[in-house]
PDB file of N, CA and C in Angstrom:
ATOM      1  N   MET A   1      36.177  82.862 116.361  1.00  0.00           N
ATOM      2  CA  MET A   1      37.461  83.193 116.955  1.00  0.00           C
ATOM      3  C   MET A   1      38.228  81.927 117.348  1.00  0.00           C
ATOM      4  N   LYS A   2      37.493  80.892 117.706  1.00  0.00           N
ATOM      5  CA  LYS A   2      38.134  79.642 118.099  1.00  0.00           C
ATOM      6  C   LYS A   2      38.958  79.068 116.942  1.00  0.00           C
ATOM      7  N   THR A   3      38.450  79.197 115.731  1.00  0.00           N
ATOM      8  CA  THR A   3      39.168  78.697 114.561  1.00  0.00           C
ATOM      9  C   THR A   3      40.493  79.435 114.382  1.00  0.00           C
ATOM     10  N   VAL A   4      40.469  80.736 114.593  1.00  0.00           N
ATOM     11  CA  VAL A   4      41.691  81.539 114.465  1.00  0.00           C
ATOM     12  C   VAL A   4      42.719  81.074 115.487  1.00  0.00           C
ATOM     13  N   LEU A   5      42.277  80.789 116.703  1.00  0.00           N
ATOM     14  CA  LEU A   5      43.186  80.317 117.744  1.00  0.00           C
ATOM     15  C   LEU A   5      43.841  78.992 117.331  1.00  0.00           C
ATOM     16  N   TRP A   6      43.034  78.073 116.806  1.00  0.00           N
ATOM     17  CA  TRP A   6      43.572  76.781 116.381  1.00  0.00           C
ATOM     18  C   TRP A   6      44.537  76.924 115.200  1.00  0.00           C
ATOM     19  N   ILE A   7      44.209  77.790 114.274  1.00  0.00           N
ATOM     20  CA  ILE A   7      45.095  78.023 113.131  1.00  0.00           C
ATOM     21  C   ILE A   7      46.423  78.615 113.606  1.00  0.00           C
ATOM     22  N   TYR A   8      46.333  79.598 114.495  1.00  0.00           N
ATOM     23  CA  TYR A   8      47.546  80.222 115.031  1.00  0.00           C
ATOM     24  C   TYR A   8      48.382  79.200 115.793  1.00  0.00           C
ATOM     25  N   ALA A   9      47.740  78.381 116.597  1.00  0.00           N
ATOM     26  CA  ALA A   9      48.457  77.343 117.351  1.00  0.00           C
ATOM     27  C   ALA A   9      49.119  76.347 116.404  1.00  0.00           C
ATOM     28  N   ALA A  10      48.444  75.996 115.331  1.00  0.00           N
ATOM     29  CA  ALA A  10      49.013  75.066 114.347  1.00  0.00           C
ATOM     30  C   ALA A  10      50.221  75.672 113.646  1.00  0.00           C
ATOM     31  N   ILE A  11      50.132  76.955 113.317  1.00  0.00           N
ATOM     32  CA  ILE A  11      51.252  77.649 112.677  1.00  0.00           C
ATOM     33  C   ILE A  11      52.451  77.691 113.621  1.00  0.00           C
ATOM     34  N   LEU A  12      52.206  78.065 114.884  1.00  0.00           N
ATOM     35  CA  LEU A  12      53.294  78.130 115.859  1.00  0.00           C
ATOM     36  C   LEU A  12      53.908  76.749 116.089  1.00  0.00           C
ATOM     37  N   GLY A  13      53.065  75.747 116.193  1.00  0.00           N
ATOM     38  CA  GLY A  13      53.562  74.388 116.414  1.00  0.00           C
ATOM     39  C   GLY A  13      54.400  73.886 115.257  1.00  0.00           C
ATOM     40  N   THR A  14      53.917  74.092 114.056  1.00  0.00           N
ATOM     41  CA  THR A  14      54.649  73.648 112.865  1.00  0.00           C
ATOM     42  C   THR A  14      55.965  74.410 112.721  1.00  0.00           C
ATOM     43  N   ALA A  15      55.907  75.717 112.869  1.00  0.00           N
ATOM     44  CA  ALA A  15      57.123  76.535 112.747  1.00  0.00           C
ATOM     45  C   ALA A  15      58.124  76.179 113.844  1.00  0.00           C
ATOM     46  N   SER A  16      57.636  75.885 115.042  1.00  0.00           N
ATOM     47  CA  SER A  16      58.527  75.519 116.143  1.00  0.00           C
ATOM     48  C   SER A  16      59.195  74.173 115.901  1.00  0.00           C
ATOM     49  N   LEU A  17      58.453  73.234 115.367  1.00  0.00           N
ATOM     50  CA  LEU A  17      59.035  71.934 115.047  1.00  0.00           C
ATOM     51  C   LEU A  17      60.128  72.086 113.981  1.00  0.00           C
ATOM     52  N   ILE A  18      59.835  72.874 112.968  1.00  0.00           N
ATOM     53  CA  ILE A  18      60.821  73.124 111.905  1.00  0.00           C
ATOM     54  C   ILE A  18      62.058  73.817 112.486  1.00  0.00           C
ATOM     55  N   ALA A  19      61.853  74.813 113.349  1.00  0.00           N
ATOM     56  CA  ALA A  19      62.979  75.532 113.944  1.00  0.00           C
ATOM     57  C   ALA A  19      63.819  74.595 114.813  1.00  0.00           C
ATOM     58  N   PHE A  20      63.172  73.779 115.632  1.00  0.00           N
ATOM     59  CA  PHE A  20      63.892  72.854 116.504  1.00  0.00           C
ATOM     60  C   PHE A  20      64.770  71.914 115.689  1.00  0.00           C
ATOM     61  N   VAL A  21      64.186  71.314 114.667  1.00  0.00           N
ATOM     62  CA  VAL A  21      64.940  70.382 113.808  1.00  0.00           C
ATOM     63  C   VAL A  21      66.075  71.105 113.097  1.00  0.00           C
ATOM     64  N   THR A  22      65.826  72.306 112.624  1.00  0.00           N
ATOM     65  CA  THR A  22      66.842  73.079 111.903  1.00  0.00           C
ATOM     66  C   THR A  22      68.025  73.416 112.804  1.00  0.00           C
ATOM     67  N   TYR A  23      67.752  73.784 114.054  1.00  0.00           N
ATOM     68  CA  TYR A  23      68.843  74.052 114.988  1.00  0.00           C
ATOM     69  C   TYR A  23      69.668  72.784 115.217  1.00  0.00           C
ATOM     70  N   GLY A  24      69.001  71.640 115.318  1.00  0.00           N
ATOM     71  CA  GLY A  24      69.714  70.380 115.484  1.00  0.00           C
ATOM     72  C   GLY A  24      70.559  70.029 114.272  1.00  0.00           C
ATOM     73  N   VAL A  25      70.016  70.238 113.093  1.00  0.00           N
ATOM     74  CA  VAL A  25      70.752  69.955 111.861  1.00  0.00           C
ATOM     75  C   VAL A  25      71.972  70.874 111.755  1.00  0.00           C
ATOM     76  N   ASP A  26      71.786  72.157 112.065  1.00  0.00           N
ATOM     77  CA  ASP A  26      72.919  73.079 111.966  1.00  0.00           C
ATOM     78  C   ASP A  26      73.996  72.731 112.986  1.00  0.00           C
ATOM     79  N   LYS A  27      73.602  72.317 114.176  1.00  0.00           N
ATOM     80  CA  LYS A  27      74.590  71.913 115.182  1.00  0.00           C
ATOM     81  C   LYS A  27      75.371  70.695 114.687  1.00  0.00           C
ATOM     82  N   ALA A  28      74.677  69.728 114.101  1.00  0.00           N
ATOM     83  CA  ALA A  28      75.355  68.543 113.564  1.00  0.00           C
ATOM     84  C   ALA A  28      76.320  68.932 112.452  1.00  0.00           C
ATOM     85  N   LYS A  29      75.895  69.852 111.598  1.00  0.00           N
ATOM     86  CA  LYS A  29      76.772  70.318 110.517  1.00  0.00           C
ATOM     87  C   LYS A  29      77.983  71.052 111.079  1.00  0.00           C
ATOM     88  N   ALA A  30      77.778  71.806 112.134  1.00  0.00           N
ATOM     89  CA  ALA A  30      78.887  72.534 112.754  1.00  0.00           C
ATOM     90  C   ALA A  30      79.917  71.569 113.323  1.00  0.00           C
ATOM     91  N   MET A  31      79.442  70.486 113.903  1.00  0.00           N
ATOM     92  CA  MET A  31      80.358  69.503 114.489  1.00  0.00           C
ATOM     93  C   MET A  31      81.131  68.746 113.409  1.00  0.00           C
ATOM     94  N   ARG A  32      80.515  68.578 112.241  1.00  0.00           N
ATOM     95  CA  ARG A  32      81.177  67.883 111.129  1.00  0.00           C
ATOM     96  C   ARG A  32      81.888  68.852 110.190  1.00  0.00           C
ATOM     97  N   GLU A  33      81.788  70.144 110.498  1.00  0.00           N
ATOM     98  CA  GLU A  33      82.378  71.191 109.669  1.00  0.00           C
ATOM     99  C   GLU A  33      81.844  71.153 108.241  1.00  0.00           C
ATOM    100  N   GLY A  34      80.545  70.915 108.125  1.00  0.00           N
ATOM    101  CA  GLY A  34      79.906  70.895 106.822  1.00  0.00           C
ATOM    102  C   GLY A  34      79.328  72.255 106.459  1.00  0.00           C
ATOM    103  N   ASP A  35      78.583  72.295 105.361  1.00  0.00           N
ATOM    104  CA  ASP A  35      77.893  73.529 104.978  1.00  0.00           C
ATOM    105  C   ASP A  35      76.871  73.857 106.061  1.00  0.00           C
ATOM    106  N   ARG A  36      76.847  75.108 106.471  1.00  0.00           N
ATOM    107  CA  ARG A  36      76.025  75.528 107.589  1.00  0.00           C
ATOM    108  C   ARG A  36      74.746  76.199 107.113  1.00  0.00           C
ATOM    109  N   ILE A  37      73.777  76.253 108.006  1.00  0.00           N
ATOM    110  CA  ILE A  37      72.546  77.010 107.791  1.00  0.00           C
ATOM    111  C   ILE A  37      72.838  78.419 108.295  1.00  0.00           C
ATOM    112  N   SER A  38      72.473  79.423 107.523  1.00  0.00           N
ATOM    113  CA  SER A  38      72.846  80.791 107.889  1.00  0.00           C
ATOM    114  C   SER A  38      72.126  81.237 109.166  1.00  0.00           C
ATOM    115  N   GLU A  39      72.783  82.136 109.872  1.00  0.00           N
ATOM    116  CA  GLU A  39      72.186  82.687 111.088  1.00  0.00           C
ATOM    117  C   GLU A  39      70.903  83.431 110.758  1.00  0.00           C
ATOM    118  N   ARG A  40      70.849  84.039 109.598  1.00  0.00           N
ATOM    119  CA  ARG A  40      69.645  84.752 109.174  1.00  0.00           C
ATOM    120  C   ARG A  40      68.451  83.803 109.104  1.00  0.00           C
ATOM    121  N   VAL A  41      68.657  82.611 108.576  1.00  0.00           N
ATOM    122  CA  VAL A  41      67.583  81.619 108.485  1.00  0.00           C
ATOM    123  C   VAL A  41      67.178  81.154 109.877  1.00  0.00           C
ATOM    124  N   LEU A  42      68.154  80.879 110.733  1.00  0.00           N
ATOM    125  CA  LEU A  42      67.847  80.424 112.092  1.00  0.00           C
ATOM    126  C   LEU A  42      67.025  81.473 112.848  1.00  0.00           C
ATOM    127  N   LEU A  43      67.401  82.724 112.712  1.00  0.00           N
ATOM    128  CA  LEU A  43      66.661  83.792 113.390  1.00  0.00           C
ATOM    129  C   LEU A  43      65.281  84.014 112.759  1.00  0.00           C
ATOM    130  N   ALA A  44      65.210  83.917 111.447  1.00  0.00           N
ATOM    131  CA  ALA A  44      63.917  84.089 110.765  1.00  0.00           C
ATOM    132  C   ALA A  44      62.920  83.016 111.204  1.00  0.00           C
ATOM    133  N   LEU A  45      63.388  81.807 111.391  1.00  0.00           N
ATOM    134  CA  LEU A  45      62.496  80.745 111.859  1.00  0.00           C
ATOM    135  C   LEU A  45      61.891  81.104 113.212  1.00  0.00           C
ATOM    136  N   ALA A  46      62.683  81.699 114.073  1.00  0.00           N
ATOM    137  CA  ALA A  46      62.178  82.122 115.383  1.00  0.00           C
ATOM    138  C   ALA A  46      61.158  83.250 115.241  1.00  0.00           C
ATOM    139  N   VAL A  47      61.487  84.222 114.425  1.00  0.00           N
ATOM    140  CA  VAL A  47      60.625  85.398 114.272  1.00  0.00           C
ATOM    141  C   VAL A  47      59.287  85.044 113.623  1.00  0.00           C
ATOM    142  N   TYR A  48      59.308  84.148 112.659  1.00  0.00           N
ATOM    143  CA  TYR A  48      58.088  83.827 111.919  1.00  0.00           C
ATOM    144  C   TYR A  48      57.326  82.644 112.503  1.00  0.00           C
ATOM    145  N   GLY A  49      57.307  82.542 113.808  1.00  0.00           N
ATOM    146  CA  GLY A  49      56.430  81.585 114.473  1.00  0.00           C
ATOM    147  C   GLY A  49      57.118  80.462 115.203  1.00  0.00           C
ATOM    148  N   GLY A  50      58.417  80.310 115.030  1.00  0.00           N
ATOM    149  CA  GLY A  50      59.099  79.172 115.629  1.00  0.00           C
ATOM    150  C   GLY A  50      59.936  79.501 116.848  1.00  0.00           C
ATOM    151  N   ALA A  51      59.543  80.513 117.607  1.00  0.00           N
ATOM    152  CA  ALA A  51      60.344  80.939 118.753  1.00  0.00           C
ATOM    153  C   ALA A  51      60.460  79.847 119.815  1.00  0.00           C
ATOM    154  N   VAL A  52      59.397  79.113 120.057  1.00  0.00           N
ATOM    155  CA  VAL A  52      59.450  78.043 121.058  1.00  0.00           C
ATOM    156  C   VAL A  52      60.443  76.970 120.608  1.00  0.00           C
ATOM    157  N   GLY A  53      60.362  76.566 119.368  1.00  0.00           N
ATOM    158  CA  GLY A  53      61.284  75.563 118.842  1.00  0.00           C
ATOM    159  C   GLY A  53      62.717  76.051 118.812  1.00  0.00           C
ATOM    160  N   ALA A  54      62.913  77.312 118.464  1.00  0.00           N
ATOM    161  CA  ALA A  54      64.264  77.886 118.447  1.00  0.00           C
ATOM    162  C   ALA A  54      64.834  77.924 119.865  1.00  0.00           C
ATOM    163  N   PHE A  55      64.000  78.314 120.822  1.00  0.00           N
ATOM    164  CA  PHE A  55      64.436  78.362 122.218  1.00  0.00           C
ATOM    165  C   PHE A  55      64.876  76.982 122.696  1.00  0.00           C
ATOM    166  N   PHE A  56      64.038  75.986 122.470  1.00  0.00           N
ATOM    167  CA  PHE A  56      64.376  74.638 122.915  1.00  0.00           C
ATOM    168  C   PHE A  56      65.497  74.022 122.082  1.00  0.00           C
ATOM    169  N   GLY A  57      65.555  74.338 120.793  1.00  0.00           N
ATOM    170  CA  GLY A  57      66.639  73.850 119.956  1.00  0.00           C
ATOM    171  C   GLY A  57      67.983  74.383 120.418  1.00  0.00           C
ATOM    172  N   ARG A  58      67.994  75.639 120.766  1.00  0.00           N
ATOM    173  CA  ARG A  58      69.208  76.260 121.286  1.00  0.00           C
ATOM    174  C   ARG A  58      69.648  75.604 122.584  1.00  0.00           C
ATOM    175  N   THR A  59      68.672  75.331 123.442  1.00  0.00           N
ATOM    176  CA  THR A  59      68.964  74.750 124.749  1.00  0.00           C
ATOM    177  C   THR A  59      69.392  73.285 124.633  1.00  0.00           C
ATOM    178  N   VAL A  60      68.605  72.494 123.932  1.00  0.00           N
ATOM    179  CA  VAL A  60      68.879  71.055 123.821  1.00  0.00           C
ATOM    180  C   VAL A  60      70.189  70.787 123.097  1.00  0.00           C
ATOM    181  N   PHE A  61      70.419  71.485 121.998  1.00  0.00           N
ATOM    182  CA  PHE A  61      71.612  71.238 121.192  1.00  0.00           C
ATOM    183  C   PHE A  61      72.795  72.117 121.601  1.00  0.00           C
ATOM    184  N   ARG A  62      72.588  72.986 122.580  1.00  0.00           N
ATOM    185  CA  ARG A  62      73.621  73.935 123.023  1.00  0.00           C
ATOM    186  C   ARG A  62      74.236  74.639 121.831  1.00  0.00           C
ATOM    187  N   HIS A  63      73.355  75.245 121.057  1.00  0.00           N
ATOM    188  CA  HIS A  63      73.766  75.840 119.790  1.00  0.00           C
ATOM    189  C   HIS A  63      73.475  77.335 119.790  1.00  0.00           C
ATOM    190  N   LYS A  64      74.467  78.120 119.447  1.00  0.00           N
ATOM    191  CA  LYS A  64      74.363  79.585 119.361  1.00  0.00           C
ATOM    192  C   LYS A  64      74.051  80.214 120.724  1.00  0.00           C
ATOM    193  N   THR A  65      74.445  79.548 121.801  1.00  0.00           N
ATOM    194  CA  THR A  65      74.114  80.039 123.139  1.00  0.00           C
ATOM    195  C   THR A  65      74.983  81.210 123.584  1.00  0.00           C
ATOM    196  N   LYS A  66      76.111  81.406 122.949  1.00  0.00           N
ATOM    197  CA  LYS A  66      76.999  82.512 123.328  1.00  0.00           C
ATOM    198  C   LYS A  66      76.743  83.774 122.510  1.00  0.00           C
ATOM    199  N   LYS A  67      75.802  83.691 121.606  1.00  0.00           N
ATOM    200  CA  LYS A  67      75.493  84.841 120.749  1.00  0.00           C
ATOM    201  C   LYS A  67      74.322  85.608 121.376  1.00  0.00           C
ATOM    202  N   ASN A  68      74.641  86.785 121.931  1.00  0.00           N
ATOM    203  CA  ASN A  68      73.632  87.565 122.650  1.00  0.00           C
ATOM    204  C   ASN A  68      72.475  88.009 121.767  1.00  0.00           C
ATOM    205  N   TYR A  69      72.744  88.280 120.492  1.00  0.00           N
ATOM    206  CA  TYR A  69      71.658  88.725 119.627  1.00  0.00           C
ATOM    207  C   TYR A  69      70.670  87.587 119.357  1.00  0.00           C
ATOM    208  N   PHE A  70      71.104  86.349 119.438  1.00  0.00           N
ATOM    209  CA  PHE A  70      70.162  85.233 119.334  1.00  0.00           C
ATOM    210  C   PHE A  70      69.231  85.243 120.541  1.00  0.00           C
ATOM    211  N   THR A  71      69.794  85.467 121.719  1.00  0.00           N
ATOM    212  CA  THR A  71      68.979  85.544 122.930  1.00  0.00           C
ATOM    213  C   THR A  71      67.948  86.656 122.802  1.00  0.00           C
ATOM    214  N   LEU A  72      68.365  87.813 122.355  1.00  0.00           N
ATOM    215  CA  LEU A  72      67.466  88.958 122.220  1.00  0.00           C
ATOM    216  C   LEU A  72      66.352  88.686 121.216  1.00  0.00           C
ATOM    217  N   VAL A  73      66.695  88.220 120.048  1.00  0.00           N
ATOM    218  CA  VAL A  73      65.699  87.993 118.998  1.00  0.00           C
ATOM    219  C   VAL A  73      64.734  86.883 119.389  1.00  0.00           C
ATOM    220  N   ILE A  74      65.253  85.774 119.877  1.00  0.00           N
ATOM    221  CA  ILE A  74      64.387  84.643 120.222  1.00  0.00           C
ATOM    222  C   ILE A  74      63.479  84.989 121.395  1.00  0.00           C
ATOM    223  N   THR A  75      64.013  85.646 122.418  1.00  0.00           N
ATOM    224  CA  THR A  75      63.189  86.029 123.571  1.00  0.00           C
ATOM    225  C   THR A  75      62.104  87.012 123.175  1.00  0.00           C
ATOM    226  N   THR A  76      62.441  88.001 122.371  1.00  0.00           N
ATOM    227  CA  THR A  76      61.451  88.977 121.915  1.00  0.00           C
ATOM    228  C   THR A  76      60.362  88.307 121.087  1.00  0.00           C
ATOM    229  N   ALA A  77      60.764  87.449 120.160  1.00  0.00           N
ATOM    230  CA  ALA A  77      59.791  86.734 119.333  1.00  0.00           C
ATOM    231  C   ALA A  77      58.901  85.840 120.188  1.00  0.00           C
ATOM    232  N   LEU A  78      59.491  85.166 121.159  1.00  0.00           N
ATOM    233  CA  LEU A  78      58.728  84.288 122.050  1.00  0.00           C
ATOM    234  C   LEU A  78      57.688  85.085 122.837  1.00  0.00           C
ATOM    235  N   LEU A  79      58.083  86.210 123.382  1.00  0.00           N
ATOM    236  CA  LEU A  79      57.144  87.040 124.137  1.00  0.00           C
ATOM    237  C   LEU A  79      56.001  87.536 123.249  1.00  0.00           C
ATOM    238  N   LEU A  80      56.327  87.962 122.045  1.00  0.00           N
ATOM    239  CA  LEU A  80      55.291  88.436 121.120  1.00  0.00           C
ATOM    240  C   LEU A  80      54.338  87.311 120.708  1.00  0.00           C
ATOM    241  N   GLN A  81      54.872  86.148 120.412  1.00  0.00           N
ATOM    242  CA  GLN A  81      54.030  85.033 119.983  1.00  0.00           C
ATOM    243  C   GLN A  81      53.132  84.542 121.113  1.00  0.00           C
ATOM    244  N   VAL A  82      53.671  84.463 122.316  1.00  0.00           N
ATOM    245  CA  VAL A  82      52.847  84.076 123.473  1.00  0.00           C
ATOM    246  C   VAL A  82      51.820  85.166 123.761  1.00  0.00           C
ATOM    247  N   GLY A  83      52.222  86.422 123.631  1.00  0.00           N
ATOM    248  CA  GLY A  83      51.292  87.528 123.844  1.00  0.00           C
ATOM    249  C   GLY A  83      50.103  87.486 122.890  1.00  0.00           C
ATOM    250  N   VAL A  84      50.359  87.226 121.631  1.00  0.00           N
ATOM    251  CA  VAL A  84      49.267  87.117 120.655  1.00  0.00           C
ATOM    252  C   VAL A  84      48.375  85.931 120.993  1.00  0.00           C
ATOM    253  N   PHE A  85      48.975  84.820 121.401  1.00  0.00           N
ATOM    254  CA  PHE A  85      48.202  83.627 121.775  1.00  0.00           C
ATOM    255  C   PHE A  85      47.280  83.939 122.960  1.00  0.00           C
ATOM    256  N   VAL A  86      47.814  84.599 123.974  1.00  0.00           N
ATOM    257  CA  VAL A  86      47.013  84.977 125.148  1.00  0.00           C
ATOM    258  C   VAL A  86      45.917  85.954 124.747  1.00  0.00           C
ATOM    259  N   LEU A  87      46.230  86.894 123.884  1.00  0.00           N
ATOM    260  CA  LEU A  87      45.235  87.851 123.404  1.00  0.00           C
ATOM    261  C   LEU A  87      44.097  87.139 122.682  1.00  0.00           C
ATOM    262  N   LEU A  88      44.438  86.179 121.839  1.00  0.00           N
ATOM    263  CA  LEU A  88      43.402  85.418 121.136  1.00  0.00           C
ATOM    264  C   LEU A  88      42.513  84.643 122.109  1.00  0.00           C
ATOM    265  N   ILE A  89      43.120  84.068 123.124  1.00  0.00           N
ATOM    266  CA  ILE A  89      42.333  83.354 124.134  1.00  0.00           C
ATOM    267  C   ILE A  89      41.411  84.318 124.878  1.00  0.00           C
ATOM    268  N   SER A  90      41.953  85.462 125.257  1.00  0.00           N
ATOM    269  CA  SER A  90      41.154  86.415 126.024  1.00  0.00           C
ATOM    270  C   SER A  90      40.015  87.031 125.205  1.00  0.00           C
ATOM    271  N   LYS A  91      40.160  87.036 123.901  1.00  0.00           N
ATOM    272  CA  LYS A  91      39.124  87.589 123.034  1.00  0.00           C
ATOM    273  C   LYS A  91      38.060  86.554 122.640  1.00  0.00           C
ATOM    274  N   GLY A  92      38.099  85.397 123.287  1.00  0.00           N
ATOM    275  CA  GLY A  92      37.067  84.425 123.024  1.00  0.00           C
ATOM    276  C   GLY A  92      37.514  83.206 122.286  1.00  0.00           C
ATOM    277  N   GLY A  93      38.792  83.024 122.112  1.00  0.00           N
ATOM    278  CA  GLY A  93      39.299  81.884 121.378  1.00  0.00           C
ATOM    279  C   GLY A  93      39.122  80.576 122.118  1.00  0.00           C
ATOM    280  N   ALA A  94      38.940  80.618 123.438  1.00  0.00           N
ATOM    281  CA  ALA A  94      38.817  79.388 124.215  1.00  0.00           C
ATOM    282  C   ALA A  94      37.379  79.007 124.467  1.00  0.00           C
ATOM    283  N   GLN A  95      36.436  79.751 123.926  1.00  0.00           N
ATOM    284  CA  GLN A  95      35.016  79.450 124.169  1.00  0.00           C
ATOM    285  C   GLN A  95      34.545  78.273 123.364  1.00  0.00           C
TER     286      GLN A  95
END
């Protein structure tokens, strides 16, 4: 079970790093009025493991903060991802 916990943590960490960088890149593109990264991609990054990175990317870059559906999707994904992490720990992942 410990291996599963480490794999899950690695997936979340990698996806979060990618999401954080992507939010920063999209914010830079928005400021330069360049080609943008679609909202669907930004939200998918959060849902598929990058909720922590999306949360911090949104906060640090002040990007998409007025869009309520971003708040809903990212918060829900974050709660689910943390919940699974806690469940894995409680099932013996920290032994």
